[in-house]
C-alpha atoms as a PDB file:
ATOM      1  CA  MET A   1      -1.696 -16.761   1.999  1.00  0.00           C
ATOM      2  CA  ASN A   2      -1.253 -14.780   5.193  1.00  0.00           C
ATOM      3  CA  ASP A   3       1.963 -12.941   4.279  1.00  0.00           C
ATOM      4  CA  LEU A   4       2.453  -9.533   5.963  1.00  0.00           C
ATOM      5  CA  ARG A   5       4.842  -7.135   4.182  1.00  0.00           C
ATOM      6  CA  PRO A   6       5.487  -3.388   3.939  1.00  0.00           C
ATOM      7  CA  LEU A   7       3.744  -1.746   0.991  1.00  0.00           C
ATOM      8  CA  SER A   8       7.174  -0.620  -0.231  1.00  0.00           C
ATOM      9  CA  GLU A   9       8.127  -4.276  -0.877  1.00  0.00           C
ATOM     10  CA  LEU A  10       5.088  -5.243  -2.979  1.00  0.00           C
ATOM     11  CA  ASN A  11       5.378  -5.880  -6.692  1.00  0.00           C
ATOM     12  CA  PRO A  12       3.149  -4.357  -9.368  1.00  0.00           C
ATOM     13  CA  GLY A  13      -0.035  -6.407  -9.589  1.00  0.00           C
ATOM     14  CA  ASP A  14       0.041  -7.465  -5.921  1.00  0.00           C
ATOM     15  CA  HIS A  15      -3.232  -7.098  -4.012  1.00  0.00           C
ATOM     16  CA  GLY A  16      -3.780  -7.049  -0.294  1.00  0.00           C
ATOM     17  CA  VAL A  17      -5.487  -5.545   2.715  1.00  0.00           C
ATOM     18  CA  ILE A  18      -3.958  -2.884   4.952  1.00  0.00           C
ATOM     19  CA  ALA A  19      -3.060  -4.508   8.285  1.00  0.00           C
ATOM     20  CA  ALA A  20      -1.460  -1.487   9.995  1.00  0.00           C
ATOM     21  CA  VAL A  21      -0.246   2.047   9.353  1.00  0.00           C
ATOM     22  CA  HIS A  22       2.891   3.088  11.266  1.00  0.00           C
ATOM     23  CA  ALA A  23       3.637   6.777  10.735  1.00  0.00           C
ATOM     24  CA  PRO A  24       4.254   9.984  12.673  1.00  0.00           C
ATOM     25  CA  GLU A  25       1.049  11.755  13.695  1.00  0.00           C
ATOM     26  CA  GLU A  26       0.866  14.291  10.853  1.00  0.00           C
ATOM     27  CA  LEU A  27       1.711  11.756   8.156  1.00  0.00           C
ATOM     28  CA  GLY A  28      -0.727   9.301   9.719  1.00  0.00           C
ATOM     29  CA  LYS A  29      -3.516  11.881   9.453  1.00  0.00           C
ATOM     30  CA  ARG A  30      -2.632  12.556   5.816  1.00  0.00           C
ATOM     31  CA  LEU A  31      -2.564   8.854   4.957  1.00  0.00           C
ATOM     32  CA  THR A  32      -5.920   8.327   6.669  1.00  0.00           C
ATOM     33  CA  ALA A  33      -7.405  11.222   4.697  1.00  0.00           C
ATOM     34  CA  LEU A  34      -6.116   9.596   1.496  1.00  0.00           C
ATOM     35  CA  GLY A  35      -7.863   6.334   2.426  1.00  0.00           C
ATOM     36  CA  PHE A  36      -5.047   4.294   3.993  1.00  0.00           C
ATOM     37  CA  SER A  37      -6.867   2.710   6.917  1.00  0.00           C
ATOM     38  CA  THR A  38      -6.746  -0.745   8.473  1.00  0.00           C
ATOM     39  CA  GLY A  39      -8.886  -3.294   6.635  1.00  0.00           C
ATOM     40  CA  ARG A  40      -8.973  -1.392   3.337  1.00  0.00           C
ATOM     41  CA  PRO A  41      -8.069  -3.396   0.209  1.00  0.00           C
ATOM     42  CA  LEU A  42      -5.414  -2.017  -2.116  1.00  0.00           C
ATOM     43  CA  ALA A  43      -3.403  -2.893  -5.203  1.00  0.00           C
ATOM     44  CA  LEU A  44       0.059  -1.809  -6.290  1.00  0.00           C
ATOM     45  CA  VAL A  45      -0.322  -0.592  -9.870  1.00  0.00           C
ATOM     46  CA  ARG A  46       3.274   0.372 -10.679  1.00  0.00           C
ATOM     47  CA  ARG A  47       6.630   1.464  -9.338  1.00  0.00           C
ATOM     48  CA  ALA A  48       8.562   4.415 -10.707  1.00  0.00           C
ATOM     49  CA  LEU A  49      12.187   3.910 -11.674  1.00  0.00           C
ATOM     50  CA  LEU A  50      15.066   4.533  -9.278  1.00  0.00           C
ATOM     51  CA  ARG A  51      13.033   4.044  -6.075  1.00  0.00           C
ATOM     52  CA  GLY A  52      10.570   6.735  -7.116  1.00  0.00           C
ATOM     53  CA  PRO A  53       6.952   6.880  -5.944  1.00  0.00           C
ATOM     54  CA  LEU A  54       4.549   3.953  -5.944  1.00  0.00           C
ATOM     55  CA  HIS A  55       1.201   4.103  -7.756  1.00  0.00           C
ATOM     56  CA  VAL A  56      -1.347   2.554  -5.368  1.00  0.00           C
ATOM     57  CA  ARG A  57      -5.054   1.936  -6.035  1.00  0.00           C
ATOM     58  CA  LEU A  58      -7.505   2.043  -3.113  1.00  0.00           C
ATOM     59  CA  GLY A  59     -10.900   1.151  -4.571  1.00  0.00           C
ATOM     60  CA  THR A  60     -11.457   3.786  -7.254  1.00  0.00           C
ATOM     61  CA  THR A  61      -8.814   6.167  -5.878  1.00  0.00           C
ATOM     62  CA  ASP A  62      -5.252   6.231  -7.229  1.00  0.00           C
ATOM     63  CA  VAL A  63      -2.499   7.618  -4.980  1.00  0.00           C
ATOM     64  CA  ALA A  64       1.222   8.224  -5.562  1.00  0.00           C
ATOM     65  CA  LEU A  65       3.206   7.456  -2.430  1.00  0.00           C
ATOM     66  CA  ARG A  66       6.897   7.948  -1.572  1.00  0.00           C
ATOM     67  CA  MET A  67       8.848   4.797  -0.723  1.00  0.00           C
ATOM     68  CA  ALA A  68       9.524   6.077   2.817  1.00  0.00           C
ATOM     69  CA  GLU A  69       5.791   6.594   3.408  1.00  0.00           C
ATOM     70  CA  ALA A  70       4.930   3.194   1.915  1.00  0.00           C
ATOM     71  CA  ALA A  71       7.446   1.474   4.210  1.00  0.00           C
ATOM     72  CA  GLY A  72       5.229   2.247   7.225  1.00  0.00           C
ATOM     73  CA  ILE A  73       2.121   0.613   5.752  1.00  0.00           C
ATOM     74  CA  GLN A  74       1.852  -3.106   6.505  1.00  0.00           C
ATOM     75  CA  VAL A  75      -0.150  -5.129   3.968  1.00  0.00           C
ATOM     76  CA  ARG A  76      -1.558  -8.636   4.281  1.00  0.00           C
ATOM     77  CA  LEU A  77      -1.193 -10.070   0.802  1.00  0.00           C
ATOM     78  CA  ALA A  78      -4.248 -11.623  -0.828  1.00  0.00           C
ATOM     79  CA  ALA A  79      -4.049 -15.073  -2.361  1.00  0.00           C
ATOM     80  CA  PRO A  80      -3.358 -14.944  -6.112  1.00  0.00           C
ATOM     81  CA  VAL A  81      -6.447 -15.261  -8.291  1.00  0.00           C
ATOM     82  CA  PRO A  82      -6.249 -18.429 -10.448  1.00  0.00           C
ATOM     83  CA  ALA A  83      -6.247 -17.780 -14.197  1.00  0.00           C
END
């Protein structure tokens, strides 16, 4: 699968690799410091109710991200792992 989607549209349990980060300069620096860089694998752990923050796992680091921030992060979805 070579599907590219914004992080804000992923479902809990989805895995992928960061393809691009589109954000204003200050937010871009903050996201980079948190580990959101091109080529880095991530997983969406959960979504809060009512369009609240997303719980994202980058390796061993867990980050809560606002929907607006997540919308600027493009993710290339990984193929599902067969059971």
